[in-house]
Amino acid sequence: MKEGTFGRGAPRGNPSTRRLLKKNKGQTSATQTANEGSFVKELDDLFDMAQENALAMITIDEDREFLLAQRERGPRGCMVGWNRQLHEREIGAAEQAATMEMRCQLNLRGLI
């Protein structure tokens, strides 16, 4: 492998560039900020483990869409809020069902 490349998707800068980024990390100049930003963008692609021609090899449309979603920049979405809301609704529905069951039992006994 050539110097400065660590595999597909790895940051392409040479080692001296990474060393300079580390050395100048306390500076807030526009150049340093831009260099750090470009390095972070390249670093985000580091863990793309799919083959380069994976899209041509995939025959199932759902798998192709999943791979394209994985290759998008940044997170596509987060389900944490939705899962919490769903859980709270399920708990509320279960409590309401239990309350209704208890009312039905009391009604059958003639206590209500």
Protein backbone atom coordinates (compact mmCIF):
# COMPACT_ATOMS: atom_id res chain seq x y z
CA MET A 1 0.00 0.00 0.00
CA LYS A 2 1.09 3.55 -0.59
CA GLU A 3 2.09 5.68 2.33
CA GLY A 4 -0.87 7.63 3.67
CA THR A 5 -3.52 5.11 2.63
CA PHE A 6 -4.75 2.58 5.13
CA GLY A 7 -7.37 0.82 3.06
CA ARG A 8 -10.53 1.75 1.25
CA GLY A 9 -12.25 4.75 2.81
CA ALA A 10 -9.34 5.65 5.08
CA PRO A 11 -8.27 9.28 5.41
CA ARG A 12 -6.15 10.12 2.38
CA GLY A 13 -3.89 12.74 3.91
CA ASN A 14 -0.26 11.86 4.41
CA PRO A 15 1.00 11.13 7.92
CA SER A 16 2.61 14.56 8.20
CA THR A 17 -0.80 16.19 7.62
CA ARG A 18 -2.33 14.18 10.46
CA ARG A 19 0.67 15.04 12.62
CA LEU A 20 0.19 18.76 11.87
CA LEU A 21 -3.50 18.51 12.72
CA LYS A 22 -2.60 16.99 16.05
CA LYS A 23 0.18 19.51 16.67
CA ASN A 24 -2.01 22.53 15.91
CA LYS A 25 -5.20 21.26 17.55
CA GLY A 26 -5.34 24.20 19.96
CA GLN A 27 -5.39 26.81 17.20
CA THR A 28 -8.64 28.31 16.04
CA SER A 29 -7.57 29.63 12.65
CA ALA A 30 -9.83 29.22 9.64
CA THR A 31 -7.29 26.96 7.94
CA GLN A 32 -6.97 24.67 10.94
CA THR A 33 -10.74 24.47 11.33
CA ALA A 34 -11.18 23.64 7.64
CA ASN A 35 -8.44 20.99 7.76
CA GLU A 36 -9.98 19.37 10.83
CA GLY A 37 -13.42 19.41 9.20
CA SER A 38 -12.18 17.70 6.04
CA PHE A 39 -10.28 15.13 8.11
CA VAL A 40 -13.40 14.32 10.15
CA LYS A 41 -15.48 13.90 6.97
CA GLU A 42 -12.91 11.45 5.58
CA LEU A 43 -12.73 9.67 8.92
CA ASP A 44 -16.50 9.07 8.87
CA ASP A 45 -16.03 6.88 5.79
CA LEU A 46 -13.39 4.75 7.48
CA PHE A 47 -15.77 1.97 8.49
CA ASP A 48 -17.48 1.49 5.12
CA MET A 49 -16.77 -2.24 4.83
CA ALA A 50 -18.82 -3.00 1.72
CA GLN A 51 -17.10 -3.90 -1.53
CA GLU A 52 -16.66 -1.10 -4.04
CA ASN A 53 -18.89 -2.86 -6.58
CA ALA A 54 -21.45 -4.00 -4.00
CA LEU A 55 -24.28 -2.06 -5.64
CA ALA A 56 -23.71 -3.93 -8.91
CA MET A 57 -23.64 -7.28 -7.07
CA ILE A 58 -26.83 -6.75 -5.03
CA THR A 59 -30.00 -8.11 -6.65
CA ILE A 60 -32.53 -7.39 -3.88
CA ASP A 61 -33.82 -3.81 -3.98
CA GLU A 62 -34.29 -3.60 -0.22
CA ASP A 63 -30.64 -4.54 0.34
CA ARG A 64 -29.53 -1.93 -2.21
CA GLU A 65 -31.56 0.77 -0.45
CA PHE A 66 -30.08 -0.27 2.90
CA LEU A 67 -26.53 0.00 1.55
CA LEU A 68 -27.24 3.41 0.05
CA ALA A 69 -28.66 4.55 3.39
CA GLN A 70 -25.50 3.32 5.13
CA ARG A 71 -23.33 5.35 2.77
CA GLU A 72 -25.19 8.62 3.38
CA ARG A 73 -23.41 11.31 5.34
CA GLY A 74 -24.55 11.65 8.93
CA PRO A 75 -27.28 9.71 10.68
CA ARG A 76 -30.38 9.09 8.62
CA GLY A 77 -32.68 9.09 11.59
CA CYS A 78 -33.02 8.07 15.17
CA MET A 79 -35.76 5.82 16.52
CA VAL A 80 -35.08 6.49 20.19
CA GLY A 81 -37.89 9.03 20.55
CA TRP A 82 -40.33 6.92 18.60
CA ASN A 83 -39.55 3.81 20.61
CA ARG A 84 -40.02 5.67 23.89
CA GLN A 85 -43.34 7.15 22.75
CA LEU A 86 -44.55 3.75 21.56
CA HIS A 87 -43.54 2.19 24.88
CA GLU A 88 -45.41 4.88 26.82
CA ARG A 89 -48.53 4.37 24.67
CA GLU A 90 -48.38 0.60 25.20
CA ILE A 91 -48.07 1.06 28.96
CA GLY A 92 -51.04 3.47 28.94
CA ALA A 93 -53.11 1.05 26.87
CA ALA A 94 -52.25 -1.83 29.22
CA GLU A 95 -53.21 0.25 32.28
CA GLN A 96 -56.46 1.29 30.63
CA ALA A 97 -57.26 -2.33 29.76
CA ALA A 98 -56.55 -3.41 33.33
CA THR A 99 -58.80 -0.64 34.68
CA MET A 100 -61.61 -1.64 32.33
CA GLU A 101 -61.23 -5.29 33.32
CA MET A 102 -61.45 -4.38 37.01
CA ARG A 103 -64.56 -2.24 36.36
CA CYS A 104 -66.18 -5.12 34.48
CA GLN A 105 -65.44 -7.52 37.33
CA LEU A 106 -66.88 -5.08 39.90
CA ASN A 107 -69.93 -4.50 37.70
CA LEU A 108 -70.57 -8.23 37.43
CA ARG A 109 -70.44 -8.57 41.20
CA GLY A 110 -72.92 -5.71 41.56
CA LEU A 111 -70.57 -3.47 43.50
CA ILE A 112 -70.86 -0.58 41.06
